[in-house]
């Protein structure tokens, strides 16, 4: 078996936990039969880090409590040479010692919250783990829909008119928020700012519906946004693969749902199969739109990818007024469901080829980072040690009152 271990990290404390598991199973299946050894890193809903072969099979996730009992606790660490490893922190059986897996590269397959917002990516940076996908900056910016739109607006990329508010503001001045929504004009779209997979998203026609939708959405996020609904609406998505300096765009797709606004059920619980993640959703590929509009969407996707300093793969979602063809940026997904592999099949790239490409990008990006000077030789601490703590500016404190 290859010593090149690919850690697939997934799960996490997120309303999109199950969606993450679906994406991870697709990644794991695609890497079977390659020169890599797949090592799962499953983060439970309570935040426990687990590994073990039992986590590699989809059918074992029917009982999460039993699954956690069969899996082994683990953490990031370093070997004697300072290289990153996934280290088991307990041993299964009296004669078995904990395993240590040197990490060749890691593929984050999280959706939402700490796994996709840059927090886990920051942990990888701290342990010097090569990982696929966008870094801390693009991941955190992409997760915050408001800040992402602020960046786009500042670079003349149209976004839908709207506003955001926090739960504390809703409690303090509910009437003003309802008046802002009234000024936008119903119908409006309500969304959690820091979630994906259409969880907590509602299209509302009246004030009483908006109040109910807001109270529901606050269960998932403390920051909500309200936007004017585009009608008649066409949603078009496009994926970008590579780095800011070397990238390519996919064909465009038009997701199809029962309503103008796609629901969680449309995306993940369609009749095509509940174990296929986003690949099971109904969609039109390539989207039946003009060549001119296709090129405009692809060009705009590339521009945003570069603005956000994204890496690996990302999916860009756009809203279009079907009558006027006005185009609005909606959001960026730095870890898209199913890694949007279905958009790359049109370019002759199946899931396996896409994952191998992501690993290759991850390794090259990591080599660029570690190839630079990352420390600075100085005798500063020796000098300060001679003077002691009293020699440090600001270290002296006023005596406490007796």
Protein backbone atom coordinates (compact mmCIF):
# COMPACT_ATOMS: atom_id res chain seq x y z
CA UNK A 1 0.00 0.00 0.00
CA UNK A 2 1.18 3.52 -0.78
CA UNK A 3 2.74 5.48 2.07
CA UNK A 4 1.18 8.62 0.65
CA UNK A 5 -1.76 9.13 2.96
CA UNK A 6 -4.61 11.36 1.87
CA UNK A 7 -6.66 12.44 4.87
CA UNK A 8 -10.30 13.17 4.01
CA UNK A 9 -11.74 15.43 6.73
CA UNK A 10 -15.52 15.77 7.09
CA UNK A 11 -18.52 16.01 9.41
CA UNK A 12 -18.12 18.79 11.96
CA UNK A 13 -20.38 20.85 14.18
CA UNK A 14 -22.68 22.18 11.48
CA UNK A 15 -26.30 21.90 10.32
CA UNK A 16 -24.74 20.62 7.10
CA UNK A 17 -23.05 17.69 8.87
CA UNK A 18 -24.88 14.98 6.91
CA UNK A 19 -24.26 16.74 3.59
CA UNK A 20 -20.56 16.77 4.42
CA UNK A 21 -20.61 13.02 5.02
CA UNK A 22 -22.19 12.48 1.58
CA UNK A 23 -19.49 14.56 -0.12
CA UNK A 24 -16.73 12.75 1.80
CA UNK A 25 -18.04 9.33 0.77
CA UNK A 26 -17.89 10.44 -2.86
CA UNK A 27 -14.29 11.58 -2.41
CA UNK A 28 -13.29 8.36 -0.66
CA UNK A 29 -14.93 6.19 -3.33
CA UNK A 30 -13.21 8.14 -6.10
CA UNK A 31 -9.74 7.58 -4.60
CA UNK A 32 -10.10 3.81 -4.26
CA UNK A 33 -7.70 2.06 -6.61
CA UNK A 34 -5.34 5.03 -6.85
CA UNK A 35 -1.78 5.22 -5.53
CA UNK A 36 -3.02 6.93 -2.38
CA UNK A 37 -4.04 5.47 0.96
CA UNK A 38 -7.22 7.16 2.19
CA UNK A 39 -7.37 7.95 5.93
CA UNK A 40 -10.71 9.31 7.22
CA UNK A 41 -10.88 12.14 9.74
CA UNK A 42 -14.47 12.36 10.93
CA UNK A 43 -15.43 15.17 13.29
CA UNK A 44 -18.59 14.24 15.18
CA UNK A 45 -21.47 16.60 15.89
CA UNK A 46 -20.00 17.11 19.36
CA UNK A 47 -16.56 17.94 17.97
CA UNK A 48 -14.74 14.64 18.61
CA UNK A 49 -11.99 13.80 16.10
CA UNK A 50 -12.23 10.17 14.99
CA UNK A 51 -10.52 7.88 12.50
CA UNK A 52 -10.61 4.21 11.52
CA UNK A 53 -11.60 1.97 8.61
CA UNK A 54 -15.20 1.80 9.83
CA UNK A 55 -15.56 5.46 8.75
CA UNK A 56 -14.86 4.61 5.11
CA UNK A 57 -18.21 2.94 4.39
CA UNK A 58 -21.48 4.81 3.92
CA UNK A 59 -23.69 2.11 5.45
CA UNK A 60 -21.94 2.48 8.82
CA UNK A 61 -23.40 5.99 9.25
CA UNK A 62 -26.92 4.70 9.86
CA UNK A 63 -26.15 4.61 13.60
CA UNK A 64 -23.81 7.46 14.51
CA UNK A 65 -23.58 6.45 18.17
CA UNK A 66 -22.41 2.95 17.25
CA UNK A 67 -20.05 4.39 14.66
CA UNK A 68 -18.34 6.59 17.24
CA UNK A 69 -17.83 3.59 19.51
CA UNK A 70 -16.10 1.66 16.72
CA UNK A 71 -13.89 4.57 15.62
CA UNK A 72 -10.68 5.77 17.27
CA UNK A 73 -9.92 9.20 18.74
CA UNK A 74 -7.20 11.11 16.91
CA UNK A 75 -5.51 14.49 16.55
CA UNK A 76 -2.91 16.32 14.48
CA UNK A 77 0.69 16.01 15.66
CA UNK A 78 4.25 15.87 14.31
CA UNK A 79 6.70 13.02 13.95
CA UNK A 80 10.34 13.08 15.04
CA UNK A 81 11.26 14.95 11.86
CA UNK A 82 8.63 17.62 12.45
CA UNK A 83 6.36 16.39 9.67
CA UNK A 84 2.57 16.44 10.19
CA UNK A 85 0.80 13.23 11.14
CA UNK A 86 -2.70 12.14 12.08
CA UNK A 87 -2.13 10.48 15.44
CA UNK A 88 -4.47 8.06 17.16
CA UNK A 89 -4.78 9.05 20.81
CA UNK A 90 -6.07 5.72 22.11
CA UNK A 91 -5.35 2.09 21.38
CA UNK A 92 -7.95 -0.47 20.37
CA UNK A 93 -7.15 -3.71 22.12
CA UNK A 94 -4.54 -4.62 24.76
CA UNK A 95 -1.75 -5.51 22.33
CA UNK A 96 -2.36 -2.75 19.78
CA UNK A 97 -0.46 0.53 19.91
CA UNK A 98 -1.90 3.78 18.52
CA UNK A 99 -1.26 4.34 14.81
CA UNK A 100 0.40 7.42 13.33
CA UNK A 101 -0.35 8.37 9.73
CA UNK A 102 2.07 10.74 7.95
CA UNK A 103 -0.06 13.23 6.01
CA UNK A 104 0.81 13.65 2.33
CA UNK A 105 -2.20 15.93 1.77
CA UNK A 106 -5.63 16.58 3.25
CA UNK A 107 -8.95 17.12 1.48
CA UNK A 108 -11.47 19.10 3.56
CA UNK A 109 -14.98 17.91 2.67
CA UNK A 110 -16.82 20.04 5.23
CA UNK A 111 -19.87 22.15 4.52
CA UNK A 112 -20.65 25.15 6.70
CA UNK A 113 -19.44 26.47 10.05
CA UNK A 114 -15.95 25.75 11.36
CA UNK A 115 -15.03 23.32 8.58
CA UNK A 116 -15.63 25.70 5.69
CA UNK A 117 -15.20 29.13 7.27
CA UNK A 118 -11.39 29.02 7.56
CA UNK A 119 -11.14 27.73 11.12
CA UNK A 120 -10.12 24.18 10.13
CA UNK A 121 -7.90 25.56 7.38
CA UNK A 122 -6.15 27.63 10.05
CA UNK A 123 -5.56 24.49 12.08
CA UNK A 124 -3.96 22.88 9.03
CA UNK A 125 -1.74 25.94 8.63
CA UNK A 126 -0.62 25.69 12.25
CA UNK A 127 0.39 22.05 11.80
CA UNK A 128 1.87 22.69 8.33
CA UNK A 129 -0.54 20.22 6.71
CA UNK A 130 -0.88 20.50 2.89
CA UNK A 131 -4.61 20.82 2.23
CA UNK A 132 -6.82 21.14 -0.81
CA UNK A 133 -9.04 24.10 -1.51
CA UNK A 134 -9.03 27.72 -0.45
CA UNK A 135 -7.01 29.09 2.44
CA UNK A 136 -8.13 30.91 5.56
CA UNK A 137 -8.81 34.24 3.85
CA UNK A 138 -10.99 33.02 0.98
CA UNK A 139 -12.74 30.45 3.17
CA UNK A 140 -13.74 32.94 5.85
CA UNK A 141 -14.74 35.58 3.32
CA UNK A 142 -16.75 33.10 1.27
CA UNK A 143 -18.69 31.89 4.29
CA UNK A 144 -19.85 35.42 5.19
CA UNK A 145 -22.37 36.26 2.45
CA UNK A 146 -22.52 39.92 3.46
CA UNK A 147 -18.76 40.53 3.37
CA UNK A 148 -18.48 38.57 0.13
CA UNK A 149 -21.06 40.84 -1.47
CA UNK A 150 -19.37 43.92 -0.05
CA UNK A 151 -16.16 42.91 -1.84
CA UNK A 152 -17.99 42.28 -5.09
CA UNK A 153 -19.92 45.54 -4.86
CA UNK A 154 -16.65 47.42 -4.32
CA UNK A 155 -15.34 45.93 -7.58
CA UNK A 156 -18.43 46.79 -9.65
CA UNK A 157 -19.90 43.29 -9.58
CA UNK A 158 -23.70 43.67 -9.21
CA UNK A 159 -25.42 42.08 -6.19
CA UNK A 160 -29.08 42.05 -5.21
CA UNK A 161 -30.31 44.93 -3.06
CA UNK A 162 -30.75 43.98 0.58
CA UNK A 163 -29.63 44.39 4.21
CA UNK A 164 -28.53 42.27 7.17
CA UNK A 165 -29.14 42.36 10.91
CA UNK A 166 -28.17 40.50 14.07
CA UNK A 167 -30.44 38.82 16.60
CA UNK A 168 -29.67 41.51 19.19
CA UNK A 169 -30.89 44.15 16.71
CA UNK A 170 -34.05 42.16 16.04
CA UNK A 171 -34.81 41.98 19.75
CA UNK A 172 -34.10 45.69 20.23
CA UNK A 173 -35.86 47.17 17.19
CA UNK A 174 -37.96 44.65 15.29
CA UNK A 175 -40.14 47.34 13.72
CA UNK A 176 -37.28 49.10 11.94
CA UNK A 177 -36.14 45.83 10.36
CA UNK A 178 -39.66 45.10 9.14
CA UNK A 179 -39.83 48.61 7.69
CA UNK A 180 -36.56 48.02 5.78
CA UNK A 181 -38.10 44.87 4.31
CA UNK A 182 -41.22 46.80 3.37
CA UNK A 183 -39.07 49.37 1.55
CA UNK A 184 -37.41 46.60 -0.47
CA UNK A 185 -40.85 45.38 -1.46
CA UNK A 186 -42.28 41.89 -1.06
CA UNK A 187 -41.58 39.15 -1.93
CA UNK A 188 -38.17 39.00 -0.25
CA UNK A 189 -35.63 36.25 0.41
CA UNK A 190 -34.43 35.60 3.97
CA UNK A 191 -31.11 33.81 4.49
CA UNK A 192 -28.70 33.00 7.32
CA UNK A 193 -25.46 34.86 6.52
CA UNK A 194 -23.12 32.00 7.46
CA UNK A 195 -24.82 28.84 6.20
CA UNK A 196 -25.23 26.96 2.94
CA UNK A 197 -27.29 24.12 1.47
CA UNK A 198 -30.37 26.40 1.54
CA UNK A 199 -30.84 25.70 5.27
CA UNK A 200 -32.91 28.46 6.84
CA UNK A 201 -33.63 30.11 3.47
CA UNK A 202 -37.19 31.32 2.87
CA UNK A 203 -39.04 33.25 0.21
CA UNK A 204 -41.76 35.27 1.94
CA UNK A 205 -44.68 37.25 0.56
CA UNK A 206 -45.92 39.08 3.65
CA UNK A 207 -44.73 40.58 6.90
CA UNK A 208 -46.20 37.83 9.09
CA UNK A 209 -44.38 35.20 6.98
CA UNK A 210 -41.14 37.15 7.36
CA UNK A 211 -41.46 37.29 11.15
CA UNK A 212 -41.99 33.52 11.31
CA UNK A 213 -39.07 32.88 8.92
CA UNK A 214 -36.76 35.12 10.95
CA UNK A 215 -37.55 33.33 14.21
CA UNK A 216 -36.84 30.00 12.51
CA UNK A 217 -33.59 31.14 10.87
CA UNK A 218 -32.20 32.48 14.17
CA UNK A 219 -32.03 28.85 15.29
CA UNK A 220 -29.12 28.43 12.86
CA UNK A 221 -27.34 31.79 12.75
CA UNK A 222 -27.30 35.06 14.71
CA UNK A 223 -26.81 37.10 11.52
CA UNK A 224 -29.55 37.13 8.88
CA UNK A 225 -29.97 38.91 5.57
CA UNK A 226 -33.01 40.03 3.60
CA UNK A 227 -32.85 40.57 -0.16
CA UNK A 228 -35.34 41.61 -2.78
CA UNK A 229 -36.60 38.59 -4.70
CA UNK A 230 -35.68 38.50 -8.38
CA UNK A 231 -38.61 37.51 -10.57
CA UNK A 232 -38.79 35.84 -12.98
CA UNK A 233 -35.65 34.16 -11.69
CA UNK A 234 -33.05 31.94 -13.31
CA UNK A 235 -30.25 30.51 -11.15
CA UNK A 236 -26.99 29.72 -12.93
CA UNK A 237 -23.90 28.17 -11.36
CA UNK A 238 -20.34 27.95 -12.63
CA UNK A 239 -17.24 26.30 -11.15
CA UNK A 240 -13.61 27.47 -11.23
CA UNK A 241 -10.61 25.17 -10.75
CA UNK A 242 -6.99 26.10 -10.09
CA UNK A 243 -5.27 29.08 -8.50
CA UNK A 244 -5.44 32.83 -9.01
CA UNK A 245 -2.55 32.52 -11.49
CA UNK A 246 -3.67 29.41 -13.35
CA UNK A 247 -7.36 28.66 -13.55
CA UNK A 248 -10.10 27.28 -15.77
CA UNK A 249 -13.89 27.51 -15.73
CA UNK A 250 -16.49 24.78 -16.12
CA UNK A 251 -19.64 24.80 -18.17
CA UNK A 252 -22.63 26.53 -16.59
CA UNK A 253 -25.53 24.71 -14.98
CA UNK A 254 -29.10 25.66 -14.22
CA UNK A 255 -30.37 23.97 -11.03
CA UNK A 256 -34.03 22.98 -11.23
CA UNK A 257 -36.37 22.93 -8.25
CA UNK A 258 -40.05 22.87 -7.48
CA UNK A 259 -39.96 26.60 -6.77
CA UNK A 260 -37.86 29.49 -8.03
CA UNK A 261 -35.71 29.24 -4.89
CA UNK A 262 -33.99 25.87 -4.43
CA UNK A 263 -34.64 24.13 -1.12
CA UNK A 264 -32.50 21.68 0.86
CA UNK A 265 -34.84 18.92 -0.35
CA UNK A 266 -34.34 19.94 -4.00
CA UNK A 267 -30.58 19.73 -3.58
CA UNK A 268 -30.17 16.56 -1.54
CA UNK A 269 -33.41 14.60 -1.33
CA UNK A 270 -34.51 14.31 -4.93
CA UNK A 271 -35.61 11.02 -6.46
CA UNK A 272 -32.19 10.55 -8.06
CA UNK A 273 -30.71 9.20 -4.86
CA UNK A 274 -30.04 10.37 -1.32
CA UNK A 275 -26.41 9.18 -1.29
CA UNK A 276 -25.19 11.28 -4.19
CA UNK A 277 -25.08 14.67 -2.48
CA UNK A 278 -25.42 17.62 -4.83
CA UNK A 279 -24.95 15.24 -7.77
CA UNK A 280 -28.49 13.95 -7.15
CA UNK A 281 -30.16 17.33 -7.67
CA UNK A 282 -32.08 18.04 -10.86
CA UNK A 283 -30.14 20.33 -13.17
CA UNK A 284 -29.66 21.37 -16.75
CA UNK A 285 -26.05 20.96 -17.95
CA UNK A 286 -24.98 22.88 -19.92
CA UNK A 287 -27.49 25.58 -19.03
CA UNK A 288 -29.77 26.58 -21.89
CA UNK A 289 -28.59 30.19 -22.04
CA UNK A 290 -26.93 32.26 -24.74
CA UNK A 291 -23.21 31.95 -25.47
CA UNK A 292 -22.84 35.62 -24.58
CA UNK A 293 -24.40 35.14 -21.14
CA UNK A 294 -22.37 31.96 -20.56
CA UNK A 295 -19.12 33.78 -21.29
CA UNK A 296 -20.16 36.66 -19.05
CA UNK A 297 -20.82 34.29 -16.14
CA UNK A 298 -17.54 32.43 -16.67
CA UNK A 299 -15.58 35.67 -16.87
CA UNK A 300 -17.22 37.02 -13.72
CA UNK A 301 -16.55 33.74 -11.89
CA UNK A 302 -12.86 34.00 -12.73
CA UNK A 303 -12.76 37.60 -11.53
CA UNK A 304 -14.33 36.76 -8.17
CA UNK A 305 -12.09 33.69 -7.76
CA UNK A 306 -9.06 35.98 -8.11
CA UNK A 307 -10.52 38.71 -5.88
CA UNK A 308 -11.08 36.22 -3.07
CA UNK A 309 -7.65 34.60 -3.60
CA UNK A 310 -9.43 31.27 -3.83
CA UNK A 311 -7.67 28.00 -4.63
CA UNK A 312 -8.55 24.46 -5.59
CA UNK A 313 -12.19 24.44 -6.60
CA UNK A 314 -15.08 26.82 -5.98
CA UNK A 315 -18.62 27.16 -7.26
CA UNK A 316 -20.19 30.52 -8.02
CA UNK A 317 -23.94 31.00 -7.87
CA UNK A 318 -25.59 33.76 -9.86
CA UNK A 319 -29.14 35.12 -10.05
CA UNK A 320 -30.53 36.31 -13.38
CA UNK A 321 -33.67 38.25 -14.18
CA UNK A 322 -35.13 36.12 -16.96
CA UNK A 323 -36.77 39.13 -18.64
CA UNK A 324 -33.83 41.57 -18.63
CA UNK A 325 -30.88 39.12 -18.28
CA UNK A 326 -29.51 41.31 -15.47
CA UNK A 327 -26.84 39.25 -13.71
CA UNK A 328 -26.21 39.30 -9.95
CA UNK A 329 -23.56 37.54 -7.87
CA UNK A 330 -25.25 35.46 -5.19
CA UNK A 331 -22.54 33.51 -3.36
CA UNK A 332 -19.28 31.59 -3.56
CA UNK A 333 -18.94 28.03 -2.24
CA UNK A 334 -15.31 27.31 -1.43
CA UNK A 335 -16.16 23.64 -0.73
CA UNK A 336 -19.13 23.01 -3.03
CA UNK A 337 -21.38 20.01 -2.54
CA UNK A 338 -19.94 16.95 -4.32
CA UNK A 339 -17.08 19.31 -5.27
CA UNK A 340 -19.24 20.18 -8.30
CA UNK A 341 -17.64 17.27 -10.18
CA UNK A 342 -20.74 17.03 -12.41
CA UNK A 343 -19.80 20.41 -13.91
CA UNK A 344 -16.38 19.08 -14.92
CA UNK A 345 -17.58 15.87 -16.54
CA UNK A 346 -18.41 17.96 -19.60
CA UNK A 347 -14.67 18.75 -19.79
CA UNK A 348 -13.70 15.08 -19.56
CA UNK A 349 -12.83 15.23 -15.86
CA UNK A 350 -14.60 12.71 -13.63
CA UNK A 351 -14.59 12.72 -9.83
CA UNK A 352 -11.33 10.79 -9.57
CA UNK A 353 -9.46 13.07 -11.97
CA UNK A 354 -10.84 16.10 -10.18
CA UNK A 355 -9.65 14.85 -6.77
CA UNK A 356 -6.19 14.03 -8.15
CA UNK A 357 -6.05 17.54 -9.60
CA UNK A 358 -7.00 19.06 -6.24
CA UNK A 359 -4.30 17.05 -4.49
CA UNK A 360 -1.74 18.19 -7.05
CA UNK A 361 -2.74 21.85 -6.56
CA UNK A 362 -2.58 21.43 -2.77
CA UNK A 363 0.95 20.01 -2.88
CA UNK A 364 2.23 22.72 -5.23
CA UNK A 365 0.66 25.51 -3.16
CA UNK A 366 2.16 24.06 0.01
CA UNK A 367 5.60 23.76 -1.58
CA UNK A 368 5.45 27.42 -2.58
CA UNK A 369 4.60 28.38 1.00
CA UNK A 370 7.27 26.31 2.75
CA UNK A 371 9.86 27.33 0.16
CA UNK A 372 9.94 30.82 1.63
CA UNK A 373 11.84 31.90 4.74
CA UNK A 374 9.47 31.35 7.66
CA UNK A 375 11.69 32.26 10.61
CA UNK A 376 14.15 35.01 11.48
CA UNK A 377 17.38 34.29 13.33
CA UNK A 378 17.95 36.75 16.14
CA UNK A 379 19.43 36.84 19.63
CA UNK A 380 16.58 39.03 20.88
CA UNK A 381 15.47 36.55 23.57
CA UNK A 382 19.05 36.11 24.82
CA UNK A 383 19.36 39.88 25.23
CA UNK A 384 16.03 40.14 27.05
CA UNK A 385 16.88 37.17 29.25
CA UNK A 386 19.99 38.97 30.50
CA UNK A 387 17.93 42.00 31.53
CA UNK A 388 15.12 39.91 32.95
CA UNK A 389 11.39 40.62 32.94
CA UNK A 390 11.90 44.02 34.56
CA UNK A 391 13.72 45.18 31.48
CA UNK A 392 10.66 44.70 29.30
CA UNK A 393 8.70 47.84 28.55
CA UNK A 394 5.28 47.74 30.16
CA UNK A 395 6.12 44.76 32.38
CA UNK A 396 6.23 46.77 35.57
CA UNK A 397 2.89 47.15 37.28
CA UNK A 398 1.58 49.37 39.98
CA UNK A 399 1.41 47.61 43.37
CA UNK A 400 -2.01 46.39 44.41
CA UNK A 401 -3.86 48.39 47.03
CA UNK A 402 -3.63 46.75 50.42
